[in-house]
C-alpha atoms as a PDB file:
ATOM      1  CA  MET A   1      -4.197  17.621  24.505  1.00  0.00           C
ATOM      2  CA  LYS A   2      -6.139  14.536  23.434  1.00  0.00           C
ATOM      3  CA  ASN A   3      -4.990  14.983  19.847  1.00  0.00           C
ATOM      4  CA  ASN A   4      -1.375  15.136  20.993  1.00  0.00           C
ATOM      5  CA  GLU A   5      -1.812  11.856  22.851  1.00  0.00           C
ATOM      6  CA  LYS A   6      -3.401  10.247  19.802  1.00  0.00           C
ATOM      7  CA  ASN A   7      -0.642  11.480  17.536  1.00  0.00           C
ATOM      8  CA  SER A   8       2.065  10.336  19.913  1.00  0.00           C
ATOM      9  CA  ASN A   9       0.467   6.879  20.242  1.00  0.00           C
ATOM     10  CA  LYS A  10       0.280   6.607  16.452  1.00  0.00           C
ATOM     11  CA  LYS A  11       3.923   7.619  16.138  1.00  0.00           C
ATOM     12  CA  ILE A  12       4.959   5.092  18.766  1.00  0.00           C
ATOM     13  CA  ALA A  13       2.911   2.389  17.042  1.00  0.00           C
ATOM     14  CA  GLY A  14       4.553   3.277  13.733  1.00  0.00           C
ATOM     15  CA  ILE A  15       7.985   2.964  15.298  1.00  0.00           C
ATOM     16  CA  TYR A  16       7.078  -0.461  16.700  1.00  0.00           C
ATOM     17  CA  TYR A  17       5.770  -1.542  13.285  1.00  0.00           C
ATOM     18  CA  PHE A  18       8.959  -0.354  11.600  1.00  0.00           C
ATOM     19  CA  ALA A  19      11.090  -2.182  14.171  1.00  0.00           C
ATOM     20  CA  SER A  20       9.086  -5.366  13.643  1.00  0.00           C
ATOM     21  CA  LEU A  21       9.597  -5.059   9.892  1.00  0.00           C
ATOM     22  CA  CYS A  22      13.352  -4.697  10.429  1.00  0.00           C
ATOM     23  CA  PHE A  23      13.434  -7.748  12.703  1.00  0.00           C
ATOM     24  CA  TYR A  24      11.420  -9.778  10.157  1.00  0.00           C
ATOM     25  CA  ILE A  25      13.836  -8.799   7.379  1.00  0.00           C
ATOM     26  CA  ALA A  26      16.792  -9.782   9.568  1.00  0.00           C
ATOM     27  CA  ALA A  27      15.101 -13.117  10.314  1.00  0.00           C
ATOM     28  CA  ILE A  28      14.531 -13.793   6.614  1.00  0.00           C
ATOM     29  CA  ILE A  29      18.147 -12.980   5.807  1.00  0.00           C
ATOM     30  CA  ASN A  30      19.372 -15.288   8.579  1.00  0.00           C
ATOM     31  CA  PHE A  31      17.080 -18.097   7.401  1.00  0.00           C
ATOM     32  CA  ILE A  32      18.341 -17.715   3.823  1.00  0.00           C
ATOM     33  CA  ASN A  33      22.014 -17.716   4.848  1.00  0.00           C
ATOM     34  CA  GLU A  34      21.452 -20.830   6.996  1.00  0.00           C
ATOM     35  CA  ASP A  35      24.449 -19.889   9.115  1.00  0.00           C
ATOM     36  CA  ASN A  36      22.652 -19.131  12.324  1.00  0.00           C
ATOM     37  CA  ASN A  37      19.058 -20.337  12.406  1.00  0.00           C
ATOM     38  CA  SER A  38      18.758 -19.771  16.134  1.00  0.00           C
ATOM     39  CA  MET A  39      19.362 -16.027  15.648  1.00  0.00           C
ATOM     40  CA  ALA A  40      16.717 -16.047  12.936  1.00  0.00           C
ATOM     41  CA  VAL A  41      14.211 -17.495  15.387  1.00  0.00           C
ATOM     42  CA  VAL A  42      15.150 -14.844  17.946  1.00  0.00           C
ATOM     43  CA  PHE A  43      14.659 -12.075  15.369  1.00  0.00           C
ATOM     44  CA  LEU A  44      11.338 -13.619  14.375  1.00  0.00           C
ATOM     45  CA  CYS A  45      10.160 -13.573  17.996  1.00  0.00           C
ATOM     46  CA  LEU A  46      11.352  -9.995  18.486  1.00  0.00           C
ATOM     47  CA  GLY A  47       9.527  -8.915  15.336  1.00  0.00           C
ATOM     48  CA  SER A  48       6.330 -10.550  16.548  1.00  0.00           C
ATOM     49  CA  SER A  49       6.572  -8.944  19.969  1.00  0.00           C
ATOM     50  CA  ASN A  50       7.103  -5.505  18.417  1.00  0.00           C
ATOM     51  CA  LEU A  51       4.118  -6.101  16.150  1.00  0.00           C
ATOM     52  CA  CYS A  52       1.980  -6.880  19.203  1.00  0.00           C
ATOM     53  CA  LEU A  53       3.211  -3.796  21.050  1.00  0.00           C
ATOM     54  CA  GLY A  54       2.378  -1.614  18.052  1.00  0.00           C
ATOM     55  CA  SER A  55      -1.158  -2.943  17.933  1.00  0.00           C
ATOM     56  CA  VAL A  56      -1.542  -2.316  21.671  1.00  0.00           C
ATOM     57  CA  TYR A  57      -0.666   1.351  21.184  1.00  0.00           C
ATOM     58  CA  LEU A  58      -3.173   1.680  18.340  1.00  0.00           C
ATOM     59  CA  ASN A  59      -5.897   0.020  20.417  1.00  0.00           C
ATOM     60  CA  LYS A  60      -5.302   2.450  23.284  1.00  0.00           C
ATOM     61  CA  ASP A  61      -6.721   5.220  21.103  1.00  0.00           C
ATOM     62  CA  LYS A  62      -9.757   3.157  20.144  1.00  0.00           C
ATOM     63  CA  ASP A  63     -10.464   2.186  23.742  1.00  0.00           C
ATOM     64  CA  ARG A  64     -10.236   5.789  24.914  1.00  0.00           C
ATOM     65  CA  ASP A  65     -12.565   6.908  22.123  1.00  0.00           C
ATOM     66  CA  ASN A  66     -15.115   4.233  23.053  1.00  0.00           C
ATOM     67  CA  VAL A  67     -14.978   5.214  26.733  1.00  0.00           C
ATOM     68  CA  ASN A  68     -15.397   8.893  25.886  1.00  0.00           C
ATOM     69  CA  LYS A  69     -18.379   8.174  23.611  1.00  0.00           C
ATOM     70  CA  ASN A  70     -20.038   6.055  26.291  1.00  0.00           C
ATOM     71  CA  ASN A  71     -19.500   8.750  28.936  1.00  0.00           C
ATOM     72  CA  LYS A  72     -21.104  11.424  26.747  1.00  0.00           C
ATOM     73  CA  LYS A  73     -24.330   9.407  26.373  1.00  0.00           C
END
């Protein structure tokens, strides 16, 4: 069951990373077009927040592993 949780957290983190990449690409396109810079800033912020959420899901696995190692000692 622990492996399933790790795999699901890695999948979720990958989805967040992919979403952040998409938001960053949209922000770059909006900055290049110079039509709507405020939308580009919004996409940039959304990409950064998704990047942070992805790293949180990856760190959940590391924290659980550290707790389990400490409990075994």
